[in-house]
Amino acid sequence: MTTVIVVRKEGSTVMGSDGQVTLGSSVLKHGARKVRKIYNNKVIVGFAGSAADGLALMERLESKLEEFRGNLLRACVELGKEWRMDRALRRLDAVLLAADLESIFLVSGTGDVIEPDEPIIAIGSGGDYARACALALYKHTNLSAEEIVKESLLIASKICIYTNQTFFLEKLP
């Protein structure tokens, strides 16, 4: 239950998330970091879902990036295959976004490795709100990728009860 969004525009890739952590109907934390840079600060990754599962998957993705020398597509495909086939991994409850300066991928435990048509994708309970906002801003304004991410998160936070207004952003380059 969160919102994570990534936008690539004019040579910049920005991923952002809110910081809310909930357990049932209670907010336990307001400032959790769900996005971070990995692989020598060349890839940004974020997760929605269980924190422990998301962090474990981030670590696995980074090891796949090491194994495939930074090839993000190959690393995501191999992680997706492993995640779907491995009995222990299959139980992990999270979804990942991974992006570099050239590509963006959504990776899930059902074997999905999706590269969106637009240079925008979002996940989590507020993901559809943030994505819709970002698509409109991307197509009809001159805002930067960072400004689009911030505004999209802000709007999602006003609609989705599981998204707060404490935002964390990571940017490439």
Protein backbone atom coordinates (compact mmCIF):
# COMPACT_ATOMS: atom_id res chain seq x y z
CA MET A 1 0.00 0.00 0.00
CA THR A 2 2.05 2.87 -1.32
CA THR A 3 2.82 4.86 -4.43
CA VAL A 4 6.02 4.55 -6.45
CA ILE A 5 6.43 6.29 -9.79
CA VAL A 6 9.22 6.68 -12.33
CA VAL A 7 9.45 9.22 -15.18
CA ARG A 8 12.16 9.46 -17.83
CA LYS A 9 12.37 12.75 -19.71
CA GLU A 10 15.05 14.79 -21.48
CA GLY A 11 17.98 12.63 -20.38
CA SER A 12 16.85 12.35 -16.78
CA THR A 13 15.24 9.46 -14.93
CA VAL A 14 13.49 10.19 -11.63
CA MET A 15 11.80 7.71 -9.31
CA GLY A 16 9.86 8.75 -6.25
CA SER A 17 7.70 7.27 -3.54
CA ASP A 18 5.77 8.28 -0.50
CA GLY A 19 7.01 7.18 2.90
CA GLN A 20 3.94 5.73 4.58
CA VAL A 21 4.03 2.28 6.17
CA THR A 22 0.74 0.80 7.32
CA LEU A 23 -0.20 -2.30 9.24
CA GLY A 24 -3.88 -3.03 8.85
CA SER A 25 -5.66 0.26 9.33
CA SER A 26 -2.85 1.94 11.28
CA VAL A 27 -0.01 4.11 10.04
CA LEU A 28 3.20 2.93 11.69
CA LYS A 29 5.79 5.08 9.91
CA HIS A 30 5.75 8.22 7.81
CA GLY A 31 9.28 8.31 6.43
CA ALA A 32 10.18 4.92 4.96
CA ARG A 33 12.53 4.96 1.95
CA LYS A 34 11.10 2.73 -0.78
CA VAL A 35 13.36 3.93 -3.61
CA ARG A 36 17.14 3.77 -3.82
CA LYS A 37 20.06 3.68 -6.19
CA ILE A 38 21.89 0.41 -6.75
CA TYR A 39 24.64 -0.93 -8.99
CA ASN A 40 27.13 1.91 -8.53
CA ASN A 41 24.33 4.51 -8.63
CA LYS A 42 23.45 3.59 -12.24
CA VAL A 43 20.04 2.01 -11.54
CA ILE A 44 17.11 3.24 -9.46
CA VAL A 45 14.82 0.67 -7.91
CA GLY A 46 11.63 1.00 -5.88
CA PHE A 47 9.08 -1.38 -4.41
CA ALA A 48 5.47 -1.59 -3.34
CA GLY A 49 4.30 -4.31 -0.99
CA SER A 50 5.97 -5.95 1.97
CA ALA A 51 9.06 -4.00 3.05
CA ALA A 52 11.18 -7.03 3.87
CA ASP A 53 10.22 -8.70 0.60
CA GLY A 54 10.87 -5.54 -1.40
CA LEU A 55 14.30 -5.08 0.15
CA ALA A 56 15.19 -8.73 -0.45
CA LEU A 57 14.18 -8.38 -4.10
CA MET A 58 16.23 -5.20 -4.47
CA GLU A 59 19.29 -7.10 -3.24
CA ARG A 60 18.62 -9.95 -5.66
CA LEU A 61 18.23 -7.51 -8.54
CA GLU A 62 21.54 -5.88 -7.67
CA SER A 63 23.28 -9.28 -7.69
CA LYS A 64 21.70 -10.00 -11.09
CA LEU A 65 23.01 -6.64 -12.34
CA GLU A 66 26.49 -7.62 -11.15
CA GLU A 67 26.16 -11.01 -12.84
CA PHE A 68 25.04 -9.48 -16.16
CA ARG A 69 27.38 -6.46 -16.05
CA GLY A 70 24.69 -3.84 -15.68
CA ASN A 71 22.34 -5.13 -18.38
CA LEU A 72 19.07 -4.07 -16.76
CA LEU A 73 16.77 -5.98 -19.14
CA ARG A 74 18.65 -9.24 -18.66
CA ALA A 75 18.84 -8.75 -14.88
CA CYS A 76 15.09 -8.09 -14.65
CA VAL A 77 14.19 -11.07 -16.85
CA GLU A 78 16.40 -13.41 -14.84
CA LEU A 79 15.01 -12.08 -11.55
CA GLY A 80 11.46 -12.50 -12.85
CA LYS A 81 12.16 -16.09 -13.89
CA GLU A 82 13.83 -16.94 -10.61
CA TRP A 83 11.08 -15.24 -8.61
CA ARG A 84 8.37 -17.22 -10.39
CA MET A 85 10.13 -20.58 -10.30
CA ASP A 86 11.64 -20.63 -6.80
CA ARG A 87 9.25 -21.90 -4.10
CA ALA A 88 10.55 -19.58 -1.39
CA LEU A 89 10.74 -16.51 -3.63
CA ARG A 90 7.28 -17.14 -5.03
CA ARG A 91 5.83 -16.22 -1.64
CA LEU A 92 7.40 -12.76 -1.65
CA ASP A 93 4.74 -10.07 -1.66
CA ALA A 94 6.10 -7.05 -3.53
CA VAL A 95 6.37 -5.47 -6.96
CA LEU A 96 9.53 -3.77 -8.23
CA LEU A 97 10.23 -0.86 -10.53
CA ALA A 98 13.74 -0.63 -11.96
CA ALA A 99 15.07 2.11 -14.22
CA ASP A 100 18.24 3.47 -15.71
CA LEU A 101 18.79 6.25 -18.24
CA GLU A 102 17.55 4.12 -21.15
CA SER A 103 14.81 1.86 -19.83
CA ILE A 104 12.14 1.28 -17.22
CA PHE A 105 10.82 -2.11 -16.06
CA LEU A 106 8.11 -3.43 -13.76
CA VAL A 107 8.98 -6.84 -12.30
CA SER A 108 6.50 -9.02 -10.41
CA GLY A 109 6.38 -12.44 -8.80
CA THR A 110 3.99 -13.72 -11.46
CA GLY A 111 6.78 -13.54 -14.02
CA ASP A 112 5.89 -10.13 -15.40
CA VAL A 113 8.74 -8.06 -16.79
CA ILE A 114 7.03 -5.10 -18.42
CA GLU A 115 8.60 -2.18 -20.23
CA PRO A 116 5.91 0.50 -20.59
CA ASP A 117 5.15 2.18 -23.92
CA GLU A 118 5.49 5.60 -22.33
CA PRO A 119 8.52 6.58 -20.24
CA ILE A 120 6.27 6.54 -17.16
CA ILE A 121 5.05 3.79 -14.87
CA ALA A 122 3.74 3.60 -11.32
CA ILE A 123 2.89 0.89 -8.81
CA GLY A 124 1.12 0.57 -5.49
CA SER A 125 -2.28 1.57 -4.23
CA GLY A 126 -1.87 5.13 -5.54
CA GLY A 127 -0.03 4.08 -8.68
CA ASP A 128 -2.92 4.53 -11.11
CA TYR A 129 -3.60 8.05 -9.82
CA ALA A 130 0.06 9.04 -10.03
CA ARG A 131 0.47 7.52 -13.49
CA ALA A 132 -2.60 9.28 -14.90
CA CYS A 133 -1.38 12.59 -13.52
CA ALA A 134 2.15 12.02 -14.84
CA LEU A 135 0.93 11.13 -18.33
CA ALA A 136 -1.11 14.33 -18.54
CA LEU A 137 1.74 16.48 -17.25
CA TYR A 138 4.26 14.76 -19.52
CA LYS A 139 2.17 15.36 -22.64
CA HIS A 140 0.78 18.81 -21.89
CA THR A 141 3.42 20.72 -19.92
CA ASN A 142 7.11 21.53 -20.01
CA LEU A 143 7.72 20.26 -16.47
CA SER A 144 10.89 18.29 -15.79
CA ALA A 145 10.82 14.61 -14.84
CA GLU A 146 11.45 15.57 -11.21
CA GLU A 147 8.60 18.09 -11.18
CA ILE A 148 6.24 15.57 -12.77
CA VAL A 149 7.12 12.92 -10.17
CA LYS A 150 6.60 15.35 -7.27
CA GLU A 151 3.27 16.65 -8.57
CA SER A 152 2.01 13.15 -9.37
CA LEU A 153 2.86 11.92 -5.89
CA LEU A 154 1.18 14.95 -4.36
CA ILE A 155 -2.05 14.34 -6.27
CA ALA A 156 -1.98 10.60 -5.48
CA SER A 157 -1.52 11.44 -1.79
CA LYS A 158 -4.71 13.48 -1.86
CA ILE A 159 -6.70 10.55 -3.28
CA CYS A 160 -5.11 7.36 -1.90
CA ILE A 161 -5.39 6.82 1.86
CA TYR A 162 -2.24 4.64 1.82
CA THR A 163 -0.06 7.40 0.33
CA ASN A 164 1.29 10.24 2.47
CA GLN A 165 3.01 13.52 1.61
CA THR A 166 6.50 12.54 2.75
CA PHE A 167 8.27 11.96 -0.55
CA PHE A 168 11.63 10.40 -1.39
CA LEU A 169 13.14 10.89 -4.84
CA GLU A 170 16.16 9.44 -6.62
CA LYS A 171 17.46 10.88 -9.87
CA LEU A 172 19.77 9.81 -12.69
CA PRO A 173 22.24 11.09 -13.79
